[in-house]
Amino acid sequence: MKKKHNKIEIIILCIGAILVMSLLGICFSELKEYSSIIITLLVIDIIVLVLYKHNTRTPESIFKSKIKNIINTYDSVLAKVDVNILPDLSDKDIVYIDKFEDLIDTQGETKKPIFYSIAERTVSFVLIDHNLVCYSIIRENEDLIDPVERKLIVAKEKKNVRDIDESILAELDRTTIIKLPNVGSYKVSPIRKKDTKKEETIEENNKVDDIDEII
């Protein structure tokens, strides 16, 4: 398919080259009145070439073009980082933002830099503001998982588990199933408190028995 596209592109370029040569030839001849026709055909050829290249772009070229445009446009608020130096964010509120433009709006409000990491076919953008983490992912296709995104999902799951209200657990009087969004279900059993009064009574009885044995 790629070879076919290349052949068509070459044909369009060849037609354009022929038209340019014809225009030059006409300019130095007595057929100058036909120059307007050649110019019109040349303009049409250029338009066809531009439209053809645009309509036959691969997902990879579209992805790379979009990332290049974002980095060039928002370079002043972006900071490139390595995915391996991302700190543990499991103690923060993590929010996924679907549109990169909305992340830029958040940056404008918080005045915090946006860290970005480039993977093979995905790019992650992360903004950290106190206890809030906002992130957006741009992918070549929707089925891809970004390395930073994977870490953030794990961190979010850890926080969901940590945020279970301990007071609720303390008040449980029987085994209960607790469901956490995006994490799963957990079976939680109540902590059985020792009956101190009963233990004290047993201990006193034991002491009485010991005294009787001594007597």
N, C-alpha and C. Protein backbone atom coordinates (compact mmCIF):
# COMPACT_ATOMS: atom_id res chain seq x y z
N MET A 1 0.83 -1.20 0.00
CA MET A 1 0.00 0.00 0.00
C MET A 1 0.87 1.26 0.00
N LYS A 2 1.96 1.23 0.78
CA LYS A 2 2.85 2.38 0.85
C LYS A 2 3.52 2.63 -0.49
N LYS A 3 3.91 1.55 -1.19
CA LYS A 3 4.54 1.70 -2.50
C LYS A 3 3.57 2.31 -3.50
N LYS A 4 2.30 1.90 -3.39
CA LYS A 4 1.28 2.44 -4.28
C LYS A 4 1.12 3.93 -4.07
N HIS A 5 1.11 4.36 -2.79
CA HIS A 5 0.99 5.78 -2.48
C HIS A 5 2.19 6.54 -3.01
N ASN A 6 3.38 5.96 -2.90
CA ASN A 6 4.58 6.62 -3.40
C ASN A 6 4.54 6.80 -4.91
N LYS A 7 4.02 5.80 -5.63
CA LYS A 7 3.92 5.89 -7.08
C LYS A 7 2.97 7.01 -7.50
N ILE A 8 1.82 7.08 -6.81
CA ILE A 8 0.85 8.13 -7.14
C ILE A 8 1.44 9.51 -6.87
N GLU A 9 2.16 9.63 -5.75
CA GLU A 9 2.79 10.90 -5.42
C GLU A 9 3.84 11.29 -6.45
N ILE A 10 4.60 10.32 -6.91
CA ILE A 10 5.61 10.58 -7.94
C ILE A 10 4.96 11.04 -9.23
N ILE A 11 3.85 10.41 -9.60
CA ILE A 11 3.13 10.80 -10.83
C ILE A 11 2.66 12.25 -10.74
N ILE A 12 2.09 12.62 -9.59
CA ILE A 12 1.61 14.00 -9.42
C ILE A 12 2.77 14.98 -9.50
N LEU A 13 3.91 14.62 -8.91
CA LEU A 13 5.09 15.49 -8.96
C LEU A 13 5.62 15.62 -10.39
N CYS A 14 5.59 14.52 -11.13
CA CYS A 14 6.05 14.54 -12.52
C CYS A 14 5.16 15.45 -13.38
N ILE A 15 3.86 15.37 -13.15
CA ILE A 15 2.94 16.25 -13.89
C ILE A 15 3.23 17.70 -13.56
N GLY A 16 3.51 17.97 -12.28
CA GLY A 16 3.84 19.34 -11.89
C GLY A 16 5.13 19.82 -12.54
N ALA A 17 6.12 18.94 -12.61
CA ALA A 17 7.39 19.29 -13.24
C ALA A 17 7.20 19.59 -14.73
N ILE A 18 6.38 18.78 -15.39
CA ILE A 18 6.12 18.99 -16.82
C ILE A 18 5.42 20.34 -17.04
N LEU A 19 4.47 20.65 -16.15
CA LEU A 19 3.75 21.93 -16.27
C LEU A 19 4.69 23.11 -16.06
N VAL A 20 5.62 22.98 -15.12
CA VAL A 20 6.59 24.06 -14.87
C VAL A 20 7.48 24.26 -16.08
N MET A 21 7.95 23.16 -16.65
CA MET A 21 8.80 23.26 -17.84
C MET A 21 8.02 23.85 -19.02
N SER A 22 6.75 23.47 -19.15
CA SER A 22 5.92 24.02 -20.23
C SER A 22 5.72 25.51 -20.06
N LEU A 23 5.52 25.92 -18.78
CA LEU A 23 5.32 27.34 -18.52
C LEU A 23 6.57 28.14 -18.88
N LEU A 24 7.74 27.59 -18.53
CA LEU A 24 8.99 28.27 -18.88
C LEU A 24 9.18 28.37 -20.39
N GLY A 25 8.80 27.28 -21.07
CA GLY A 25 8.93 27.29 -22.53
C GLY A 25 8.01 28.30 -23.18
N ILE A 26 6.81 28.41 -22.66
CA ILE A 26 5.83 29.35 -23.22
C ILE A 26 6.28 30.79 -23.01
N CYS A 27 6.90 31.05 -21.85
CA CYS A 27 7.33 32.42 -21.53
C CYS A 27 8.38 32.92 -22.52
N PHE A 28 9.14 32.01 -23.13
CA PHE A 28 10.18 32.40 -24.09
C PHE A 28 9.75 32.12 -25.53
N SER A 29 8.46 32.00 -25.74
CA SER A 29 7.95 31.76 -27.09
C SER A 29 6.84 32.74 -27.40
N GLU A 30 6.21 32.54 -28.54
CA GLU A 30 5.13 33.42 -28.96
C GLU A 30 3.77 32.93 -28.46
N LEU A 31 3.77 31.93 -27.61
CA LEU A 31 2.51 31.35 -27.12
C LEU A 31 2.22 31.80 -25.69
N LYS A 32 2.58 33.03 -25.36
CA LYS A 32 2.41 33.51 -24.00
C LYS A 32 0.95 33.56 -23.56
N GLU A 33 0.04 33.64 -24.53
CA GLU A 33 -1.39 33.71 -24.17
C GLU A 33 -1.88 32.41 -23.53
N TYR A 34 -1.09 31.33 -23.69
CA TYR A 34 -1.48 30.05 -23.08
C TYR A 34 -0.90 29.87 -21.67
N SER A 35 -0.13 30.85 -21.25
CA SER A 35 0.52 30.73 -19.94
C SER A 35 -0.51 30.65 -18.80
N SER A 36 -1.63 31.36 -18.95
CA SER A 36 -2.65 31.35 -17.90
C SER A 36 -3.24 29.94 -17.72
N ILE A 37 -3.36 29.20 -18.83
CA ILE A 37 -3.89 27.84 -18.75
C ILE A 37 -2.91 26.93 -18.01
N ILE A 38 -1.61 27.07 -18.34
CA ILE A 38 -0.59 26.25 -17.68
C ILE A 38 -0.51 26.57 -16.20
N ILE A 39 -0.61 27.85 -15.86
CA ILE A 39 -0.55 28.25 -14.45
C ILE A 39 -1.74 27.66 -13.69
N THR A 40 -2.91 27.70 -14.31
CA THR A 40 -4.11 27.13 -13.67
C THR A 40 -3.94 25.63 -13.42
N LEU A 41 -3.41 24.93 -14.43
CA LEU A 41 -3.18 23.49 -14.28
C LEU A 41 -2.14 23.20 -13.21
N LEU A 42 -1.13 24.05 -13.13
CA LEU A 42 -0.08 23.87 -12.12
C LEU A 42 -0.64 24.06 -10.71
N VAL A 43 -1.49 25.07 -10.54
CA VAL A 43 -2.12 25.31 -9.24
C VAL A 43 -2.99 24.12 -8.85
N ILE A 44 -3.75 23.59 -9.79
CA ILE A 44 -4.60 22.43 -9.53
C ILE A 44 -3.74 21.23 -9.12
N ASP A 45 -2.61 21.05 -9.82
CA ASP A 45 -1.71 19.94 -9.50
C ASP A 45 -1.16 20.06 -8.08
N ILE A 46 -0.80 21.27 -7.69
CA ILE A 46 -0.29 21.50 -6.33
C ILE A 46 -1.37 21.20 -5.29
N ILE A 47 -2.59 21.64 -5.55
CA ILE A 47 -3.71 21.39 -4.62
C ILE A 47 -3.97 19.90 -4.48
N VAL A 48 -3.94 19.20 -5.62
CA VAL A 48 -4.16 17.74 -5.60
C VAL A 48 -3.08 17.05 -4.77
N LEU A 49 -1.82 17.50 -4.92
CA LEU A 49 -0.72 16.91 -4.17
C LEU A 49 -0.89 17.12 -2.67
N VAL A 50 -1.25 18.34 -2.28
CA VAL A 50 -1.44 18.65 -0.85
C VAL A 50 -2.57 17.82 -0.26
N LEU A 51 -3.69 17.75 -0.97
CA LEU A 51 -4.84 16.97 -0.48
C LEU A 51 -4.51 15.49 -0.41
N TYR A 52 -3.77 15.00 -1.40
CA TYR A 52 -3.43 13.58 -1.41
C TYR A 52 -2.53 13.22 -0.22
N LYS A 53 -1.53 14.07 0.04
CA LYS A 53 -0.61 13.79 1.15
C LYS A 53 -1.36 13.86 2.48
N HIS A 54 -2.31 14.78 2.59
CA HIS A 54 -3.07 14.91 3.84
C HIS A 54 -3.98 13.70 4.07
N ASN A 55 -4.64 13.24 3.01
CA ASN A 55 -5.60 12.15 3.14
C ASN A 55 -4.95 10.77 3.25
N THR A 56 -3.68 10.67 2.91
CA THR A 56 -3.01 9.37 2.97
C THR A 56 -1.99 9.29 4.11
N ARG A 57 -2.10 10.20 5.07
CA ARG A 57 -1.18 10.16 6.21
C ARG A 57 -1.45 8.93 7.07
N THR A 58 -0.40 8.34 7.57
CA THR A 58 -0.51 7.17 8.43
C THR A 58 -0.80 7.62 9.87
N PRO A 59 -1.36 6.73 10.71
CA PRO A 59 -1.56 7.09 12.12
C PRO A 59 -0.26 7.54 12.80
N GLU A 60 0.85 6.93 12.40
CA GLU A 60 2.14 7.30 12.97
C GLU A 60 2.52 8.73 12.63
N SER A 61 2.33 9.10 11.37
CA SER A 61 2.69 10.47 10.96
C SER A 61 1.76 11.50 11.59
N ILE A 62 0.47 11.15 11.73
CA ILE A 62 -0.48 12.06 12.38
C ILE A 62 -0.10 12.26 13.84
N PHE A 63 0.26 11.16 14.52
CA PHE A 63 0.65 11.20 15.93
C PHE A 63 1.90 12.06 16.12
N LYS A 64 2.92 11.83 15.31
CA LYS A 64 4.17 12.58 15.44
C LYS A 64 3.97 14.06 15.14
N SER A 65 3.13 14.34 14.15
CA SER A 65 2.85 15.73 13.81
C SER A 65 2.14 16.45 14.95
N LYS A 66 1.20 15.76 15.58
CA LYS A 66 0.45 16.36 16.70
C LYS A 66 1.36 16.63 17.89
N ILE A 67 2.22 15.67 18.20
CA ILE A 67 3.14 15.85 19.34
C ILE A 67 4.11 16.99 19.07
N LYS A 68 4.64 17.04 17.87
CA LYS A 68 5.57 18.11 17.50
C LYS A 68 4.90 19.47 17.63
N ASN A 69 3.66 19.56 17.20
CA ASN A 69 2.93 20.82 17.27
C ASN A 69 2.69 21.24 18.72
N ILE A 70 2.34 20.27 19.58
CA ILE A 70 2.09 20.57 20.99
C ILE A 70 3.37 21.07 21.66
N ILE A 71 4.48 20.36 21.45
CA ILE A 71 5.74 20.74 22.09
C ILE A 71 6.20 22.11 21.63
N ASN A 72 6.06 22.40 20.33
CA ASN A 72 6.47 23.71 19.81
C ASN A 72 5.56 24.83 20.32
N THR A 73 4.27 24.53 20.49
CA THR A 73 3.31 25.56 20.89
C THR A 73 3.40 25.87 22.38
N TYR A 74 3.54 24.83 23.20
CA TYR A 74 3.48 25.00 24.66
C TYR A 74 4.84 24.76 25.33
N ASP A 75 5.91 25.00 24.61
CA ASP A 75 7.25 24.74 25.11
C ASP A 75 7.53 25.46 26.43
N SER A 76 6.96 26.63 26.64
CA SER A 76 7.25 27.44 27.82
C SER A 76 6.70 26.83 29.11
N VAL A 77 5.70 25.95 29.01
CA VAL A 77 5.10 25.38 30.23
C VAL A 77 5.35 23.87 30.33
N LEU A 78 6.14 23.33 29.40
CA LEU A 78 6.42 21.90 29.38
C LEU A 78 7.83 21.60 29.88
N ALA A 79 7.99 20.46 30.55
CA ALA A 79 9.31 20.02 31.01
C ALA A 79 9.42 18.52 30.76
N LYS A 80 10.40 18.13 29.95
CA LYS A 80 10.57 16.72 29.61
C LYS A 80 11.24 15.97 30.76
N VAL A 81 10.69 14.80 31.11
CA VAL A 81 11.25 13.99 32.19
C VAL A 81 11.32 12.53 31.76
N ASP A 82 12.12 11.76 32.49
CA ASP A 82 12.21 10.32 32.27
C ASP A 82 11.15 9.63 33.12
N VAL A 83 10.48 8.65 32.54
CA VAL A 83 9.42 7.94 33.24
C VAL A 83 9.93 7.28 34.51
N ASN A 84 11.20 6.91 34.56
CA ASN A 84 11.76 6.20 35.71
C ASN A 84 11.95 7.09 36.94
N ILE A 85 11.92 8.41 36.77
CA ILE A 85 12.12 9.29 37.93
C ILE A 85 10.79 9.79 38.49
N LEU A 86 9.69 9.27 38.00
CA LEU A 86 8.39 9.68 38.51
C LEU A 86 8.25 9.23 39.97
N PRO A 87 7.95 10.15 40.89
CA PRO A 87 7.87 9.78 42.31
C PRO A 87 6.60 8.98 42.61
N ASP A 88 6.54 8.45 43.83
CA ASP A 88 5.34 7.73 44.27
C ASP A 88 4.23 8.74 44.52
N LEU A 89 3.13 8.60 43.80
CA LEU A 89 2.02 9.55 43.90
C LEU A 89 0.78 8.92 44.51
N SER A 90 0.96 7.82 45.23
CA SER A 90 -0.19 7.10 45.78
C SER A 90 -0.87 7.85 46.92
N ASP A 91 -0.24 8.93 47.43
CA ASP A 91 -0.85 9.71 48.50
C ASP A 91 -1.61 10.92 47.96
N LYS A 92 -1.75 11.02 46.63
CA LYS A 92 -2.39 12.17 46.01
C LYS A 92 -3.66 11.76 45.25
N ASP A 93 -4.50 12.75 45.00
CA ASP A 93 -5.71 12.53 44.20
C ASP A 93 -5.32 12.58 42.72
N ILE A 94 -5.57 11.50 42.01
CA ILE A 94 -5.14 11.40 40.61
C ILE A 94 -6.35 11.49 39.69
N VAL A 95 -6.29 12.42 38.75
CA VAL A 95 -7.42 12.68 37.85
C VAL A 95 -6.96 12.59 36.40
N TYR A 96 -7.67 11.81 35.60
CA TYR A 96 -7.36 11.71 34.18
C TYR A 96 -8.15 12.77 33.41
N ILE A 97 -7.47 13.51 32.55
CA ILE A 97 -8.10 14.53 31.73
C ILE A 97 -8.05 14.08 30.28
N ASP A 98 -9.22 13.94 29.69
CA ASP A 98 -9.32 13.36 28.35
C ASP A 98 -8.70 14.26 27.28
N LYS A 99 -8.93 15.56 27.36
CA LYS A 99 -8.44 16.49 26.34
C LYS A 99 -7.22 17.24 26.85
N PHE A 100 -6.17 17.25 26.05
CA PHE A 100 -4.94 17.94 26.44
C PHE A 100 -5.19 19.43 26.64
N GLU A 101 -6.09 20.01 25.86
CA GLU A 101 -6.40 21.43 25.98
C GLU A 101 -6.92 21.77 27.38
N ASP A 102 -7.69 20.84 27.98
CA ASP A 102 -8.20 21.06 29.34
C ASP A 102 -7.06 21.04 30.35
N LEU A 103 -6.05 20.22 30.09
CA LEU A 103 -4.88 20.19 30.97
C LEU A 103 -4.13 21.53 30.89
N ILE A 104 -4.08 22.10 29.71
CA ILE A 104 -3.45 23.42 29.54
C ILE A 104 -4.22 24.47 30.32
N ASP A 105 -5.56 24.38 30.33
CA ASP A 105 -6.37 25.31 31.12
C ASP A 105 -6.06 25.18 32.60
N THR A 106 -5.89 23.93 33.07
CA THR A 106 -5.55 23.68 34.48
C THR A 106 -4.18 24.28 34.80
N GLN A 107 -3.25 24.15 33.87
CA GLN A 107 -1.91 24.73 34.07
C GLN A 107 -2.00 26.24 34.20
N GLY A 108 -2.87 26.84 33.40
CA GLY A 108 -3.02 28.28 33.47
C GLY A 108 -3.55 28.75 34.82
N GLU A 109 -4.35 27.89 35.48
CA GLU A 109 -4.91 28.24 36.78
C GLU A 109 -3.91 27.98 37.91
N THR A 110 -3.16 26.89 37.80
CA THR A 110 -2.25 26.51 38.88
C THR A 110 -0.85 27.10 38.72
N LYS A 111 -0.49 27.46 37.49
CA LYS A 111 0.85 27.99 37.20
C LYS A 111 1.95 26.97 37.47
N LYS A 112 1.59 25.68 37.42
CA LYS A 112 2.56 24.61 37.62
C LYS A 112 3.02 24.09 36.26
N PRO A 113 4.27 23.62 36.16
CA PRO A 113 4.74 23.07 34.88
C PRO A 113 4.08 21.74 34.57
N ILE A 114 4.01 21.41 33.31
CA ILE A 114 3.49 20.11 32.87
C ILE A 114 4.68 19.24 32.48
N PHE A 115 4.85 18.13 33.16
CA PHE A 115 5.93 17.20 32.84
C PHE A 115 5.44 16.24 31.76
N TYR A 116 6.31 15.99 30.78
CA TYR A 116 5.90 15.05 29.74
C TYR A 116 7.00 14.03 29.48
N SER A 117 6.55 12.83 29.11
CA SER A 117 7.47 11.72 28.83
C SER A 117 7.05 11.07 27.52
N ILE A 118 8.00 10.90 26.61
CA ILE A 118 7.71 10.36 25.29
C ILE A 118 8.05 8.88 25.25
N ALA A 119 7.05 8.05 24.97
CA ALA A 119 7.27 6.62 24.76
C ALA A 119 7.30 6.36 23.25
N GLU A 120 7.28 5.09 22.87
CA GLU A 120 7.41 4.77 21.45
C GLU A 120 6.21 5.25 20.65
N ARG A 121 5.00 5.03 21.18
CA ARG A 121 3.79 5.41 20.44
C ARG A 121 2.79 6.16 21.30
N THR A 122 3.24 6.63 22.46
CA THR A 122 2.39 7.41 23.35
C THR A 122 3.22 8.51 24.00
N VAL A 123 2.53 9.54 24.46
CA VAL A 123 3.18 10.62 25.21
C VAL A 123 2.28 10.97 26.39
N SER A 124 2.87 11.04 27.57
CA SER A 124 2.10 11.37 28.78
C SER A 124 2.42 12.80 29.22
N PHE A 125 1.40 13.48 29.72
CA PHE A 125 1.55 14.83 30.25
C PHE A 125 0.99 14.84 31.67
N VAL A 126 1.81 15.24 32.65
CA VAL A 126 1.42 15.16 34.05
C VAL A 126 1.63 16.52 34.72
N LEU A 127 0.60 16.97 35.44
CA LEU A 127 0.68 18.22 36.21
C LEU A 127 0.45 17.88 37.68
N ILE A 128 1.37 18.29 38.55
CA ILE A 128 1.29 18.01 39.98
C ILE A 128 1.11 19.32 40.74
N ASP A 129 0.01 19.42 41.48
CA ASP A 129 -0.28 20.63 42.25
C ASP A 129 -0.71 20.23 43.65
N HIS A 130 0.21 20.31 44.62
CA HIS A 130 -0.06 19.91 46.00
C HIS A 130 -0.54 18.45 46.03
N ASN A 131 -1.79 18.21 46.46
CA ASN A 131 -2.30 16.84 46.57
C ASN A 131 -3.05 16.39 45.32
N LEU A 132 -3.00 17.17 44.28
CA LEU A 132 -3.72 16.84 43.05
C LEU A 132 -2.76 16.53 41.92
N VAL A 133 -3.05 15.44 41.21
CA VAL A 133 -2.27 15.07 40.02
C VAL A 133 -3.23 14.95 38.84
N CYS A 134 -3.01 15.76 37.83
CA CYS A 134 -3.81 15.70 36.61
C CYS A 134 -2.92 15.20 35.48
N TYR A 135 -3.45 14.29 34.68
CA TYR A 135 -2.64 13.79 33.58
C TYR A 135 -3.48 13.54 32.34
N SER A 136 -2.81 13.62 31.20
CA SER A 136 -3.45 13.37 29.91
C SER A 136 -2.50 12.56 29.05
N ILE A 137 -3.06 11.67 28.24
CA ILE A 137 -2.25 10.80 27.39
C ILE A 137 -2.64 11.00 25.93
N ILE A 138 -1.63 11.15 25.08
CA ILE A 138 -1.87 11.20 23.63
C ILE A 138 -1.27 9.94 23.03
N ARG A 139 -2.08 9.18 22.29
CA ARG A 139 -1.65 7.89 21.77
C ARG A 139 -1.80 7.83 20.26
N GLU A 140 -1.01 6.95 19.68
CA GLU A 140 -1.14 6.71 18.25
C GLU A 140 -2.46 6.04 17.95
N ASN A 141 -2.90 5.13 18.82
CA ASN A 141 -4.25 4.57 18.75
C ASN A 141 -4.74 4.31 20.17
N GLU A 142 -6.05 4.16 20.33
CA GLU A 142 -6.68 4.12 21.64
C GLU A 142 -6.37 2.85 22.43
N ASP A 143 -5.85 1.82 21.81
CA ASP A 143 -5.59 0.56 22.49
C ASP A 143 -4.27 0.55 23.27
N LEU A 144 -3.47 1.58 23.12
CA LEU A 144 -2.14 1.61 23.74
C LEU A 144 -2.19 2.10 25.18
N ILE A 145 -1.34 1.50 26.03
CA ILE A 145 -1.20 1.92 27.42
C ILE A 145 0.17 2.56 27.59
N ASP A 146 0.17 3.77 28.11
CA ASP A 146 1.43 4.50 28.31
C ASP A 146 2.09 4.06 29.62
N PRO A 147 3.44 3.97 29.66
CA PRO A 147 4.15 3.55 30.89
C PRO A 147 3.83 4.42 32.10
N VAL A 148 3.74 5.73 31.91
CA VAL A 148 3.41 6.64 33.01
C VAL A 148 1.96 6.41 33.45
N GLU A 149 1.10 6.22 32.49
CA GLU A 149 -0.31 5.96 32.81
C GLU A 149 -0.45 4.70 33.66
N ARG A 150 0.33 3.68 33.33
CA ARG A 150 0.27 2.43 34.10
C ARG A 150 0.67 2.68 35.57
N LYS A 151 1.72 3.48 35.76
CA LYS A 151 2.16 3.80 37.12
C LYS A 151 1.10 4.61 37.87
N LEU A 152 0.47 5.52 37.19
CA LEU A 152 -0.55 6.36 37.83
C LEU A 152 -1.78 5.55 38.20
N ILE A 153 -2.14 4.58 37.37
CA ILE A 153 -3.28 3.72 37.66
C ILE A 153 -3.01 2.90 38.93
N VAL A 154 -1.79 2.37 39.04
CA VAL A 154 -1.40 1.61 40.23
C VAL A 154 -1.43 2.50 41.46
N ALA A 155 -0.91 3.73 41.33
CA ALA A 155 -0.90 4.67 42.46
C ALA A 155 -2.31 5.02 42.90
N LYS A 156 -3.20 5.18 41.93
CA LYS A 156 -4.60 5.51 42.25
C LYS A 156 -5.27 4.36 42.98
N GLU A 157 -4.99 3.13 42.57
CA GLU A 157 -5.57 1.96 43.23
C GLU A 157 -5.07 1.85 44.67
N LYS A 158 -3.79 2.14 44.88
CA LYS A 158 -3.23 2.11 46.24
C LYS A 158 -3.94 3.13 47.13
N LYS A 159 -4.17 4.31 46.57
CA LYS A 159 -4.83 5.35 47.36
C LYS A 159 -6.26 4.97 47.67
N ASN A 160 -6.95 4.33 46.73
CA ASN A 160 -8.33 3.90 46.98
C ASN A 160 -8.39 2.93 48.15
N VAL A 161 -7.42 2.03 48.21
CA VAL A 161 -7.38 1.07 49.31
C VAL A 161 -7.07 1.78 50.61
N ARG A 162 -6.12 2.73 50.59
CA ARG A 162 -5.71 3.44 51.79
C ARG A 162 -6.81 4.33 52.33
N ASP A 163 -7.68 4.80 51.43
CA ASP A 163 -8.71 5.75 51.84
C ASP A 163 -9.95 5.10 52.45
N ILE A 164 -9.94 3.79 52.67
CA ILE A 164 -11.08 3.17 53.34
C ILE A 164 -11.17 3.73 54.76
N ASP A 165 -12.31 4.21 55.11
CA ASP A 165 -12.48 4.85 56.41
C ASP A 165 -12.26 3.84 57.53
N GLU A 166 -11.22 4.06 58.34
CA GLU A 166 -10.90 3.13 59.42
C GLU A 166 -11.99 3.09 60.49
N SER A 167 -12.68 4.22 60.64
CA SER A 167 -13.73 4.23 61.65
C SER A 167 -14.88 3.31 61.25
N ILE A 168 -15.13 3.22 59.94
CA ILE A 168 -16.18 2.32 59.47
C ILE A 168 -15.77 0.89 59.73
N LEU A 169 -14.51 0.57 59.49
CA LEU A 169 -14.04 -0.79 59.73
C LEU A 169 -14.12 -1.15 61.21
N ALA A 170 -13.86 -0.18 62.07
CA ALA A 170 -13.87 -0.45 63.50
C ALA A 170 -15.27 -0.75 64.00
N GLU A 171 -16.29 -0.21 63.30
CA GLU A 171 -17.67 -0.39 63.74
C GLU A 171 -18.33 -1.63 63.14
N LEU A 172 -17.62 -2.36 62.33
CA LEU A 172 -18.21 -3.55 61.74
C LEU A 172 -18.48 -4.59 62.81
N ASP A 173 -19.67 -5.18 62.77
CA ASP A 173 -19.99 -6.23 63.73
C ASP A 173 -20.08 -7.60 63.08
N ARG A 174 -19.88 -7.64 61.78
CA ARG A 174 -19.86 -8.93 61.09
C ARG A 174 -19.07 -8.77 59.80
N THR A 175 -18.68 -9.89 59.21
CA THR A 175 -17.88 -9.86 57.98
C THR A 175 -18.68 -9.19 56.86
N THR A 176 -18.05 -8.25 56.16
CA THR A 176 -18.72 -7.45 55.15
C THR A 176 -17.89 -7.42 53.87
N ILE A 177 -18.57 -7.38 52.74
CA ILE A 177 -17.90 -7.22 51.45
C ILE A 177 -17.87 -5.75 51.10
N ILE A 178 -16.67 -5.21 50.89
CA ILE A 178 -16.52 -3.80 50.51
C ILE A 178 -16.04 -3.73 49.07
N LYS A 179 -16.75 -2.96 48.25
CA LYS A 179 -16.40 -2.81 46.84
C LYS A 179 -15.79 -1.43 46.63
N LEU A 180 -14.62 -1.41 45.99
CA LEU A 180 -13.94 -0.16 45.67
C LEU A 180 -13.92 0.04 44.17
N PRO A 181 -14.25 1.25 43.68
CA PRO A 181 -14.24 1.48 42.24
C PRO A 181 -12.86 1.31 41.65
N ASN A 182 -12.81 0.58 40.54
CA ASN A 182 -11.56 0.35 39.78
C ASN A 182 -10.55 -0.49 40.54
N VAL A 183 -10.93 -1.03 41.70
CA VAL A 183 -9.99 -1.85 42.46
C VAL A 183 -10.49 -3.26 42.62
N GLY A 184 -11.73 -3.39 43.10
CA GLY A 184 -12.29 -4.72 43.26
C GLY A 184 -13.04 -4.84 44.57
N SER A 185 -13.34 -6.06 44.97
CA SER A 185 -14.08 -6.32 46.19
C SER A 185 -13.16 -6.92 47.25
N TYR A 186 -13.42 -6.56 48.52
CA TYR A 186 -12.63 -7.06 49.62
C TYR A 186 -13.55 -7.55 50.73
N LYS A 187 -13.21 -8.69 51.32
CA LYS A 187 -13.96 -9.22 52.46
C LYS A 187 -13.26 -8.75 53.73
N VAL A 188 -13.99 -7.99 54.56
CA VAL A 188 -13.42 -7.40 55.76
C VAL A 188 -14.15 -7.97 56.97
N SER A 189 -13.39 -8.49 57.92
CA SER A 189 -13.96 -9.03 59.15
C SER A 189 -13.72 -8.08 60.30
N PRO A 190 -14.67 -7.98 61.25
CA PRO A 190 -14.51 -7.07 62.39
C PRO A 190 -13.43 -7.56 63.33
N ILE A 191 -12.84 -6.64 64.07
CA ILE A 191 -11.84 -7.00 65.08
C ILE A 191 -12.57 -7.38 66.35
N ARG A 192 -12.38 -8.61 66.78
CA ARG A 192 -13.07 -9.10 67.97
C ARG A 192 -12.36 -8.59 69.23
N LYS A 193 -13.08 -7.81 70.04
CA LYS A 193 -12.49 -7.31 71.28
C LYS A 193 -12.64 -8.36 72.38
N LYS A 194 -11.64 -8.47 73.18
CA LYS A 194 -11.67 -9.43 74.27
C LYS A 194 -12.63 -8.97 75.37
N ASP A 195 -13.33 -9.90 75.92
CA ASP A 195 -14.24 -9.58 77.01
C ASP A 195 -13.41 -9.49 78.29
N THR A 196 -13.02 -8.26 78.64
CA THR A 196 -12.11 -8.06 79.76
C THR A 196 -12.74 -8.46 81.09
N LYS A 197 -14.03 -8.20 81.24
CA LYS A 197 -14.70 -8.56 82.49
C LYS A 197 -14.70 -10.06 82.70
N LYS A 198 -14.95 -10.77 81.60
CA LYS A 198 -14.98 -12.23 81.70
C LYS A 198 -13.60 -12.76 82.06
N GLU A 199 -12.55 -12.14 81.45
CA GLU A 199 -11.19 -12.59 81.74
C GLU A 199 -10.83 -12.30 83.19
N GLU A 200 -11.28 -11.15 83.72
CA GLU A 200 -10.98 -10.80 85.10
C GLU A 200 -11.64 -11.79 86.05
N THR A 201 -12.89 -12.21 85.75
CA THR A 201 -13.61 -13.17 86.59
C THR A 201 -12.89 -14.50 86.61
N ILE A 202 -12.43 -14.95 85.41
CA ILE A 202 -11.71 -16.22 85.33
C ILE A 202 -10.42 -16.16 86.12
N GLU A 203 -9.73 -15.01 86.02
CA GLU A 203 -8.47 -14.85 86.74
C GLU A 203 -8.68 -14.89 88.25
N GLU A 204 -9.78 -14.25 88.74
CA GLU A 204 -10.07 -14.24 90.17
C GLU A 204 -10.40 -15.65 90.65
N ASN A 205 -11.16 -16.41 89.87
CA ASN A 205 -11.50 -17.78 90.23
C ASN A 205 -10.26 -18.65 90.35
N ASN A 206 -9.32 -18.42 89.42
CA ASN A 206 -8.06 -19.18 89.45
C ASN A 206 -7.28 -18.88 90.73
N LYS A 207 -7.31 -17.60 91.13
CA LYS A 207 -6.60 -17.22 92.34
C LYS A 207 -7.22 -17.89 93.57
N VAL A 208 -8.57 -17.95 93.60
CA VAL A 208 -9.27 -18.59 94.73
C VAL A 208 -8.91 -20.06 94.80
N ASP A 209 -8.87 -20.72 93.65
CA ASP A 209 -8.50 -22.13 93.60
C ASP A 209 -7.10 -22.35 94.13
N ASP A 210 -6.19 -21.47 93.81
CA ASP A 210 -4.81 -21.60 94.26
C ASP A 210 -4.73 -21.47 95.78
N ILE A 211 -5.52 -20.55 96.34
CA ILE A 211 -5.51 -20.32 97.79
C ILE A 211 -6.05 -21.56 98.50
N ASP A 212 -7.12 -22.16 97.95
CA ASP A 212 -7.71 -23.34 98.56
C ASP A 212 -6.71 -24.48 98.59
N GLU A 213 -5.93 -24.58 97.49
CA GLU A 213 -4.94 -25.67 97.42
C GLU A 213 -3.86 -25.48 98.49
N ILE A 214 -3.48 -24.24 98.72
CA ILE A 214 -2.45 -23.95 99.72
C ILE A 214 -2.96 -24.28 101.12
N ILE A 215 -4.20 -23.94 101.43
CA ILE A 215 -4.79 -24.22 102.73
C ILE A 215 -4.97 -25.72 102.91
